[in-house]
């Protein structure tokens, strides 16, 4: 029984963000019986939160372990029964202040995120600099050594082009500053983690502690995916006040997003102005030579012997993003080991058949046709007002592919599907979350994107 839950937790730790896992999954206990997974939460609030937002993720992870998707039941853990009390103990006590209900206590009090070194998986040593990213690279180094004229940086790029790599490299460098210097207090988290911590603080009446943790005990704030704050006015207010407090103390601020500031509809004008007041660095798609050097660096990291003609072929044929380059390299290395042969151009061509190469669709019409074929829909259904789950997923996939493979603006993409600009942003953000966390849906989306054909 314990093995089922421990294995399920291991899978969830790999697929959920560290903040979500530590705050909501770690405190749970579980029992499995007859296709049902019963979860015991420390209090009613945690039980409700997990039930509403994480039950699908837990069920999908448990299905891998149990071989069948279980029914998930989440309830507050029953208190351990105490020994019978004597009559003397049962005597009513004088009226006094009522104790605070236990259900208002969370397993982890809101505080600034602890900085474990293993949170930063990437370093500057692994980052390959080229014309597409040299501005962002230089600006991030400038923030670290305080040589940049601004103390605020906004990094924007399409998914898979290196913004997470850079912000984590900054965190690692700041946490390993010279021993003789005062080490800055660094907070690194996603926008979703920030929002979750604020919600916890409100529920547990610890808002003042939350404010103190982020406004007084942080010197450098590294905040990812700020587009998550769209249409969340209460959280935006708190973030705006936090940024004002940090600015007044001369702290350094770094934001990342898949969208440019001007594309972030749904944000308060004051907050948007504050976020946009520093240095803006955009990472574009890497050119051919940069892609080739990225492959060579990744091959060295993974200890793969990659011939020059193979790296040139892959760099020529794969131009979408860095994740695709690394995925193809890993698949190529695995196939060579399974076949007990060397990596060659012929073997590379076999692996490339499964990836988005030069023949990939580049027009919005090609993308619509492809998405309709994958999801078994008609173009009219794709543009309809229906909110059925499958139609929304297909529509969001089309938004993401159009963003990656065309030069259309977000407003133009929305017009093509009879949707507003803000709907396009929301759809792309939703899929990016699944892709970055590698949820079961995210892995399915990766396959859909990789198999796209003209």
Protein backbone atom coordinates (compact mmCIF):
# COMPACT_ATOMS: atom_id res chain seq x y z
CA UNK A 1 0.00 0.00 0.00
CA UNK A 2 2.77 2.38 1.03
CA UNK A 3 4.72 1.39 -2.07
CA UNK A 4 1.89 2.47 -4.39
CA UNK A 5 1.70 5.92 -2.83
CA UNK A 6 5.48 6.41 -2.60
CA UNK A 7 5.88 5.50 -6.29
CA UNK A 8 2.98 7.79 -7.20
CA UNK A 9 4.61 10.62 -5.24
CA UNK A 10 7.88 10.07 -7.09
CA UNK A 11 6.07 10.52 -10.42
CA UNK A 12 4.25 13.62 -9.16
CA UNK A 13 7.52 15.13 -7.94
CA UNK A 14 8.86 14.85 -11.49
CA UNK A 15 5.76 16.28 -13.19
CA UNK A 16 4.65 19.04 -10.80
CA UNK A 17 6.55 22.20 -9.94
CA UNK A 18 8.54 21.97 -6.67
CA UNK A 19 6.25 24.51 -5.01
CA UNK A 20 3.06 22.58 -5.78
CA UNK A 21 4.56 19.25 -4.75
CA UNK A 22 6.03 20.41 -1.44
CA UNK A 23 2.99 22.41 -0.37
CA UNK A 24 0.13 20.14 -1.43
CA UNK A 25 1.33 16.58 -2.18
CA UNK A 26 4.02 15.96 0.43
CA UNK A 27 1.73 16.31 3.48
CA UNK A 28 -0.78 13.76 2.15
CA UNK A 29 -1.16 10.17 3.36
CA UNK A 30 -2.90 7.54 1.22
CA UNK A 31 -4.59 4.16 1.09
CA UNK A 32 -5.33 2.14 -2.07
CA UNK A 33 -8.17 -0.36 -2.34
CA UNK A 34 -10.30 -1.80 -5.16
CA UNK A 35 -9.44 0.85 -7.76
CA UNK A 36 -9.77 3.72 -5.25
CA UNK A 37 -6.98 5.91 -3.90
CA UNK A 38 -8.01 7.57 -0.63
CA UNK A 39 -5.95 10.61 0.36
CA UNK A 40 -5.83 12.06 3.87
CA UNK A 41 -5.08 15.80 4.04
CA UNK A 42 -3.93 17.58 7.23
CA UNK A 43 -6.96 19.90 7.17
CA UNK A 44 -10.12 20.74 5.25
CA UNK A 45 -8.59 23.57 3.25
CA UNK A 46 -5.77 21.41 1.88
CA UNK A 47 -8.27 18.63 1.13
CA UNK A 48 -10.49 21.00 -0.84
CA UNK A 49 -7.56 22.53 -2.76
CA UNK A 50 -6.10 19.15 -3.74
CA UNK A 51 -9.53 17.76 -4.65
CA UNK A 52 -10.34 20.68 -6.97
CA UNK A 53 -6.97 21.26 -8.64
CA UNK A 54 -4.72 18.22 -8.41
CA UNK A 55 -6.97 15.15 -8.42
CA UNK A 56 -6.55 14.61 -12.19
CA UNK A 57 -2.75 14.80 -11.97
CA UNK A 58 -2.74 12.38 -9.01
CA UNK A 59 -5.05 9.96 -10.83
CA UNK A 60 -2.87 9.95 -13.95
CA UNK A 61 0.30 9.33 -11.93
CA UNK A 62 -1.38 6.58 -9.87
CA UNK A 63 -2.61 4.93 -13.08
CA UNK A 64 1.01 4.40 -14.13
CA UNK A 65 1.75 2.63 -10.83
CA UNK A 66 -1.53 0.70 -10.37
CA UNK A 67 -2.12 -0.17 -14.03
CA UNK A 68 -5.62 1.33 -13.91
CA UNK A 69 -6.82 4.90 -13.34
CA UNK A 70 -8.18 4.95 -9.78
CA UNK A 71 -10.98 7.01 -8.32
CA UNK A 72 -9.49 9.74 -6.14
CA UNK A 73 -11.08 10.50 -2.77
CA UNK A 74 -9.60 13.38 -0.76
CA UNK A 75 -10.71 13.99 2.82
CA UNK A 76 -9.45 15.65 5.97
CA UNK A 77 -7.55 13.18 8.16
CA UNK A 78 -9.54 12.05 11.18
CA UNK A 79 -7.93 12.95 14.50
CA UNK A 80 -6.41 10.05 16.42
CA UNK A 81 -8.87 8.85 19.03
CA UNK A 82 -7.69 9.67 22.53
CA UNK A 83 -8.09 7.55 25.66
CA UNK A 84 -11.47 7.89 27.45
CA UNK A 85 -11.54 10.95 29.63
CA UNK A 86 -12.48 10.80 33.29
CA UNK A 87 -15.60 12.48 34.59
CA UNK A 88 -13.37 15.12 36.14
CA UNK A 89 -12.01 15.96 32.71
CA UNK A 90 -15.49 16.12 31.25
CA UNK A 91 -16.56 18.85 33.66
CA UNK A 92 -17.43 21.94 31.62
CA UNK A 93 -14.82 24.67 31.85
CA UNK A 94 -15.49 28.33 32.29
CA UNK A 95 -16.23 30.16 29.09
CA UNK A 96 -13.15 31.66 27.51
CA UNK A 97 -11.67 32.54 24.12
CA UNK A 98 -12.48 29.90 21.53
CA UNK A 99 -9.39 28.24 20.05
CA UNK A 100 -8.67 28.77 16.37
CA UNK A 101 -9.98 25.87 14.31
CA UNK A 102 -7.28 23.40 13.31
CA UNK A 103 -8.51 23.48 9.72
CA UNK A 104 -7.06 26.95 9.35
CA UNK A 105 -3.50 25.67 9.85
CA UNK A 106 -1.47 24.66 6.80
CA UNK A 107 1.46 22.24 6.82
CA UNK A 108 3.83 24.96 5.60
CA UNK A 109 3.66 28.59 6.66
CA UNK A 110 4.00 31.17 3.89
CA UNK A 111 7.57 32.39 3.61
CA UNK A 112 10.08 33.40 1.02
CA UNK A 113 11.12 30.31 -0.96
CA UNK A 114 14.12 28.50 0.44
CA UNK A 115 16.98 28.38 -2.02
CA UNK A 116 18.20 24.83 -2.43
CA UNK A 117 21.12 24.58 -4.84
CA UNK A 118 19.40 21.79 -6.74
CA UNK A 119 16.59 24.15 -7.80
CA UNK A 120 18.98 25.64 -10.33
CA UNK A 121 19.55 22.92 -12.92
CA UNK A 122 21.25 25.22 -15.44
CA UNK A 123 24.41 27.31 -15.38
CA UNK A 124 26.10 29.86 -17.64
CA UNK A 125 28.74 27.25 -18.56
CA UNK A 126 26.09 25.26 -20.47
CA UNK A 127 24.54 28.26 -22.24
CA UNK A 128 25.53 28.72 -25.90
CA UNK A 129 25.64 32.38 -26.91
CA UNK A 130 24.73 33.49 -30.43
CA UNK A 131 23.21 36.46 -32.26
CA UNK A 132 19.70 35.44 -31.17
CA UNK A 133 20.38 35.55 -27.43
CA UNK A 134 23.55 37.57 -26.83
CA UNK A 135 21.61 40.62 -25.62
CA UNK A 136 19.67 38.59 -23.03
CA UNK A 137 22.86 36.79 -21.97
CA UNK A 138 24.80 40.03 -21.47
CA UNK A 139 21.91 41.68 -19.60
CA UNK A 140 21.50 38.71 -17.25
CA UNK A 141 25.22 38.72 -16.44
CA UNK A 142 24.98 42.47 -15.91
CA UNK A 143 22.21 42.01 -13.35
CA UNK A 144 24.33 39.46 -11.48
CA UNK A 145 27.48 41.58 -11.24
CA UNK A 146 25.50 44.86 -11.05
CA UNK A 147 27.18 46.29 -14.14
CA UNK A 148 23.85 46.84 -15.95
CA UNK A 149 22.56 50.39 -15.71
CA UNK A 150 19.10 49.06 -14.78
CA UNK A 151 18.34 46.85 -11.77
CA UNK A 152 15.38 45.23 -13.51
CA UNK A 153 15.26 42.79 -16.45
CA UNK A 154 12.42 41.35 -18.53
CA UNK A 155 13.34 38.29 -20.67
CA UNK A 156 10.84 37.32 -23.38
CA UNK A 157 10.97 34.42 -25.82
CA UNK A 158 8.89 31.69 -27.38
CA UNK A 159 8.93 28.35 -25.49
CA UNK A 160 12.16 26.38 -25.59
CA UNK A 161 14.58 29.16 -26.49
CA UNK A 162 16.42 29.55 -23.20
CA UNK A 163 14.73 32.04 -20.87
CA UNK A 164 14.41 29.48 -18.05
CA UNK A 165 18.04 28.47 -18.60
CA UNK A 166 19.17 32.07 -18.20
CA UNK A 167 17.12 32.89 -15.11
CA UNK A 168 18.27 29.69 -13.38
CA UNK A 169 21.86 30.42 -14.35
CA UNK A 170 21.43 33.82 -12.68
CA UNK A 171 20.12 32.16 -9.51
CA UNK A 172 23.03 29.73 -9.40
CA UNK A 173 25.60 32.49 -9.92
CA UNK A 174 24.05 34.75 -7.27
CA UNK A 175 23.97 31.91 -4.74
CA UNK A 176 27.66 31.18 -5.31
CA UNK A 177 29.02 34.69 -4.99
CA UNK A 178 32.52 35.37 -3.67
CA UNK A 179 32.96 34.23 -0.04
CA UNK A 180 34.24 37.66 0.92
CA UNK A 181 31.07 39.36 -0.25
CA UNK A 182 27.63 39.37 1.34
CA UNK A 183 25.50 36.79 -0.44
CA UNK A 184 22.24 38.31 -1.68
CA UNK A 185 18.96 36.78 -0.52
CA UNK A 186 17.47 35.34 -3.69
CA UNK A 187 13.86 34.27 -4.22
CA UNK A 188 13.24 32.17 -7.34
CA UNK A 189 9.72 30.99 -8.13
CA UNK A 190 7.07 30.89 -10.81
CA UNK A 191 4.14 33.28 -10.89
CA UNK A 192 1.86 30.38 -10.02
CA UNK A 193 3.90 29.58 -6.90
CA UNK A 194 3.72 33.23 -5.83
CA UNK A 195 -0.06 33.17 -6.29
CA UNK A 196 -0.43 29.90 -4.35
CA UNK A 197 1.59 31.26 -1.43
CA UNK A 198 -0.55 34.40 -1.33
CA UNK A 199 -3.76 32.35 -1.36
CA UNK A 200 -2.44 30.27 1.53
CA UNK A 201 -1.53 33.40 3.46
CA UNK A 202 -5.06 34.80 3.00
CA UNK A 203 -6.70 31.53 4.03
CA UNK A 204 -4.52 31.17 7.13
CA UNK A 205 -4.60 34.88 8.05
CA UNK A 206 -0.85 35.24 7.61
CA UNK A 207 -0.85 37.98 4.99
CA UNK A 208 1.43 40.21 7.06
CA UNK A 209 4.00 37.41 7.35
CA UNK A 210 3.75 36.87 3.60
CA UNK A 211 4.35 40.56 2.94
CA UNK A 212 7.35 40.67 5.26
CA UNK A 213 8.87 37.57 3.69
CA UNK A 214 8.84 38.97 0.16
CA UNK A 215 9.20 42.70 0.82
CA UNK A 216 11.81 42.72 3.59
CA UNK A 217 13.75 39.46 3.25
CA UNK A 218 14.54 39.38 -0.48
CA UNK A 219 17.35 41.17 -2.33
CA UNK A 220 16.85 39.57 -5.75
CA UNK A 221 13.48 38.37 -7.05
CA UNK A 222 13.52 35.96 -10.00
CA UNK A 223 9.93 35.52 -11.18
CA UNK A 224 9.01 33.23 -14.09
CA UNK A 225 5.96 33.24 -16.39
CA UNK A 226 4.42 36.50 -15.24
CA UNK A 227 1.65 36.12 -17.85
CA UNK A 228 0.08 33.78 -15.27
CA UNK A 229 -1.08 36.89 -13.34
CA UNK A 230 -3.49 37.91 -16.12
CA UNK A 231 -7.06 38.56 -14.93
CA UNK A 232 -6.14 38.00 -11.25
CA UNK A 233 -6.65 41.50 -9.77
CA UNK A 234 -6.22 40.58 -6.08
CA UNK A 235 -2.88 38.89 -6.75
CA UNK A 236 -1.80 41.69 -9.09
CA UNK A 237 -2.40 44.24 -6.31
CA UNK A 238 -0.15 42.34 -3.92
CA UNK A 239 2.55 41.87 -6.57
CA UNK A 240 2.46 45.57 -7.44
CA UNK A 241 2.93 46.55 -3.79
CA UNK A 242 5.70 43.97 -3.41
CA UNK A 243 7.54 45.35 -6.43
CA UNK A 244 7.18 48.90 -5.12
CA UNK A 245 8.68 47.85 -1.80
CA UNK A 246 11.56 46.00 -3.48
CA UNK A 247 12.23 48.93 -5.84
CA UNK A 248 12.39 51.33 -2.90
CA UNK A 249 15.06 49.13 -1.29
CA UNK A 250 17.11 49.00 -4.51
CA UNK A 251 16.53 45.27 -5.06
CA UNK A 252 17.13 43.53 -8.37
CA UNK A 253 14.10 42.12 -10.24
CA UNK A 254 14.02 39.66 -13.14
CA UNK A 255 10.88 38.52 -14.99
CA UNK A 256 10.34 36.01 -17.78
CA UNK A 257 7.38 35.52 -20.10
CA UNK A 258 6.48 33.92 -23.39
CA UNK A 259 4.93 37.25 -24.35
CA UNK A 260 6.18 40.78 -24.79
CA UNK A 261 4.95 43.34 -22.24
CA UNK A 262 2.73 44.97 -24.88
CA UNK A 263 0.99 41.60 -25.41
CA UNK A 264 0.12 41.11 -21.73
CA UNK A 265 -3.54 42.08 -21.72
CA UNK A 266 -5.37 41.52 -18.46
CA UNK A 267 -2.64 43.17 -16.35
CA UNK A 268 -3.23 46.34 -14.33
CA UNK A 269 -1.70 49.36 -16.10
CA UNK A 270 0.38 50.32 -13.06
CA UNK A 271 1.74 46.80 -12.71
CA UNK A 272 2.49 46.57 -16.44
CA UNK A 273 4.29 49.93 -16.32
CA UNK A 274 6.35 48.78 -13.33
CA UNK A 275 7.29 45.46 -14.99
CA UNK A 276 8.18 47.24 -18.22
CA UNK A 277 10.35 49.91 -16.60
CA UNK A 278 13.65 48.00 -16.76
CA UNK A 279 15.72 46.42 -19.49
CA UNK A 280 13.85 44.34 -22.11
CA UNK A 281 15.73 41.43 -23.73
CA UNK A 282 14.10 39.25 -26.41
CA UNK A 283 15.48 35.82 -27.33
CA UNK A 284 14.83 34.87 -30.96
CA UNK A 285 15.17 31.51 -32.69
CA UNK A 286 18.86 30.50 -32.93
CA UNK A 287 20.54 30.64 -36.33
CA UNK A 288 22.07 27.56 -37.97
CA UNK A 289 25.56 28.00 -36.52
CA UNK A 290 24.23 28.55 -33.01
CA UNK A 291 22.04 25.44 -33.33
CA UNK A 292 25.08 23.41 -34.37
CA UNK A 293 27.08 24.63 -31.37
CA UNK A 294 24.13 23.91 -29.07
CA UNK A 295 24.09 20.32 -30.34
CA UNK A 296 27.81 19.95 -29.76
CA UNK A 297 27.49 21.32 -26.21
CA UNK A 298 24.54 19.03 -25.43
CA UNK A 299 26.43 16.06 -26.87
CA UNK A 300 29.37 16.80 -24.57
CA UNK A 301 27.06 17.09 -21.54
CA UNK A 302 25.34 13.77 -22.35
CA UNK A 303 28.67 12.15 -23.32
CA UNK A 304 27.53 11.42 -26.87
CA UNK A 305 30.05 11.13 -29.72
CA UNK A 306 28.39 13.29 -32.39
CA UNK A 307 30.08 13.44 -35.84
CA UNK A 308 30.29 16.90 -37.41
CA UNK A 309 28.26 15.92 -40.47
CA UNK A 310 25.44 14.69 -38.19
CA UNK A 311 25.40 17.87 -36.08
CA UNK A 312 25.29 19.92 -39.29
CA UNK A 313 22.36 17.85 -40.60
CA UNK A 314 20.37 18.22 -37.38
CA UNK A 315 21.11 21.95 -37.22
CA UNK A 316 19.90 22.33 -40.80
CA UNK A 317 16.68 20.40 -40.29
CA UNK A 318 15.59 21.38 -36.77
CA UNK A 319 14.99 25.07 -36.27
CA UNK A 320 11.93 25.23 -34.00
CA UNK A 321 13.51 25.32 -30.53
CA UNK A 322 16.35 24.06 -28.35
CA UNK A 323 14.19 21.44 -26.63
CA UNK A 324 13.56 19.78 -29.97
CA UNK A 325 17.30 19.71 -30.72
CA UNK A 326 18.08 18.04 -27.39
CA UNK A 327 15.19 15.58 -27.73
CA UNK A 328 16.36 14.51 -31.18
CA UNK A 329 19.95 14.12 -29.95
CA UNK A 330 18.87 11.94 -27.02
CA UNK A 331 16.69 9.75 -29.25
CA UNK A 332 19.55 9.41 -31.73
CA UNK A 333 21.97 8.37 -28.98
CA UNK A 334 19.47 5.86 -27.56
CA UNK A 335 18.82 4.29 -30.97
CA UNK A 336 22.57 3.95 -31.59
CA UNK A 337 23.01 2.16 -28.24
CA UNK A 338 20.06 -0.17 -28.89
CA UNK A 339 21.40 -1.07 -32.33
CA UNK A 340 24.96 -1.22 -31.00
CA UNK A 341 26.21 1.04 -33.77
CA UNK A 342 27.81 4.44 -34.23
CA UNK A 343 25.82 7.60 -34.83
CA UNK A 344 25.75 8.28 -38.57
CA UNK A 345 23.95 10.48 -41.10
CA UNK A 346 21.74 7.54 -42.17
CA UNK A 347 20.74 6.86 -38.57
CA UNK A 348 20.06 10.58 -38.06
CA UNK A 349 17.72 10.62 -41.06
CA UNK A 350 15.74 7.74 -39.53
CA UNK A 351 15.28 9.65 -36.28
CA UNK A 352 14.50 12.93 -38.06
CA UNK A 353 11.42 11.34 -39.66
CA UNK A 354 9.65 11.77 -36.31
CA UNK A 355 10.45 15.45 -35.90
CA UNK A 356 9.24 18.79 -37.19
CA UNK A 357 11.71 19.37 -40.02
CA UNK A 358 11.79 21.74 -43.00
CA UNK A 359 8.53 20.43 -44.42
CA UNK A 360 6.57 21.60 -41.37
CA UNK A 361 3.58 23.87 -42.03
CA UNK A 362 4.37 27.56 -41.92
CA UNK A 363 1.00 29.11 -42.78
CA UNK A 364 -2.11 29.44 -40.67
CA UNK A 365 -4.09 27.39 -43.22
CA UNK A 366 -1.62 24.49 -42.91
CA UNK A 367 -1.88 24.63 -39.14
CA UNK A 368 -5.70 24.64 -39.19
CA UNK A 369 -5.71 21.63 -41.53
CA UNK A 370 -3.22 19.77 -39.35
CA UNK A 371 -5.06 20.45 -36.07
CA UNK A 372 -8.40 19.45 -37.61
CA UNK A 373 -6.86 16.20 -38.81
CA UNK A 374 -5.30 15.38 -35.40
CA UNK A 375 -8.45 16.14 -33.38
CA UNK A 376 -10.93 14.89 -36.03
CA UNK A 377 -12.68 18.23 -36.35
CA UNK A 378 -13.86 20.52 -39.14
CA UNK A 379 -12.54 24.09 -39.52
CA UNK A 380 -16.02 25.37 -38.64
CA UNK A 381 -15.96 23.45 -35.35
CA UNK A 382 -12.51 24.86 -34.57
CA UNK A 383 -13.85 28.40 -35.00
CA UNK A 384 -17.17 27.75 -33.27
CA UNK A 385 -18.23 29.16 -29.88
CA UNK A 386 -18.37 25.71 -28.31
CA UNK A 387 -16.53 25.31 -24.98
CA UNK A 388 -16.33 21.52 -25.07
CA UNK A 389 -13.04 20.33 -23.61
CA UNK A 390 -11.77 18.68 -26.80
CA UNK A 391 -12.57 21.74 -28.91
CA UNK A 392 -10.86 24.07 -26.44
CA UNK A 393 -7.76 21.85 -26.44
CA UNK A 394 -7.67 21.76 -30.25
CA UNK A 395 -8.13 25.52 -30.46
CA UNK A 396 -5.36 26.15 -27.94
CA UNK A 397 -3.06 23.81 -29.88
CA UNK A 398 -3.73 25.82 -33.02
CA UNK A 399 -2.94 29.04 -31.11
CA UNK A 400 0.39 27.62 -29.92
CA UNK A 401 1.41 26.31 -33.35
CA UNK A 402 0.45 29.59 -35.01
CA UNK A 403 2.56 31.43 -32.47
CA UNK A 404 5.54 29.15 -33.16
CA UNK A 405 5.34 28.84 -36.94
CA UNK A 406 3.90 32.10 -38.25
CA UNK A 407 4.64 35.78 -37.89
CA UNK A 408 1.02 36.61 -37.10
CA UNK A 409 0.34 38.80 -34.08
CA UNK A 410 -1.74 37.45 -31.22
CA UNK A 411 -4.64 39.67 -32.34
CA UNK A 412 -4.43 38.28 -35.91
CA UNK A 413 -4.39 34.71 -34.61
CA UNK A 414 -7.46 35.44 -32.51
CA UNK A 415 -9.28 37.00 -35.46
CA UNK A 416 -8.71 33.85 -37.52
CA UNK A 417 -10.50 31.77 -34.87
CA UNK A 418 -13.15 34.34 -33.91
CA UNK A 419 -11.48 34.90 -30.56
CA UNK A 420 -10.10 37.87 -28.66
CA UNK A 421 -6.40 38.53 -28.19
CA UNK A 422 -6.72 37.74 -24.46
CA UNK A 423 -8.22 34.31 -25.23
CA UNK A 424 -5.21 33.44 -27.38
CA UNK A 425 -2.82 34.40 -24.56
CA UNK A 426 -4.81 32.34 -22.04
CA UNK A 427 -4.87 29.30 -24.35
CA UNK A 428 -1.13 29.39 -25.06
CA UNK A 429 -0.35 29.90 -21.36
CA UNK A 430 -2.44 26.87 -20.42
CA UNK A 431 -0.60 24.56 -22.83
CA UNK A 432 2.84 25.93 -21.92
CA UNK A 433 2.19 25.01 -18.30
CA UNK A 434 1.53 21.37 -19.25
CA UNK A 435 4.56 21.31 -21.57
CA UNK A 436 6.95 22.75 -18.98
CA UNK A 437 5.71 20.46 -16.16
CA UNK A 438 5.69 17.46 -18.53
CA UNK A 439 2.25 16.34 -17.37
CA UNK A 440 0.58 13.47 -19.26
CA UNK A 441 -1.26 16.07 -21.36
CA UNK A 442 2.02 17.92 -21.86
CA UNK A 443 3.74 14.79 -23.18
CA UNK A 444 0.81 14.16 -25.52
CA UNK A 445 1.06 17.74 -26.79
CA UNK A 446 4.80 17.31 -27.39
CA UNK A 447 4.08 14.33 -29.61
CA UNK A 448 1.40 16.29 -31.48
CA UNK A 449 3.78 19.18 -32.10
CA UNK A 450 6.72 16.94 -33.05
CA UNK A 451 4.66 14.93 -35.56
CA UNK A 452 3.32 17.97 -37.35
CA UNK A 453 3.59 17.59 -41.12
CA UNK A 454 2.94 19.80 -44.10
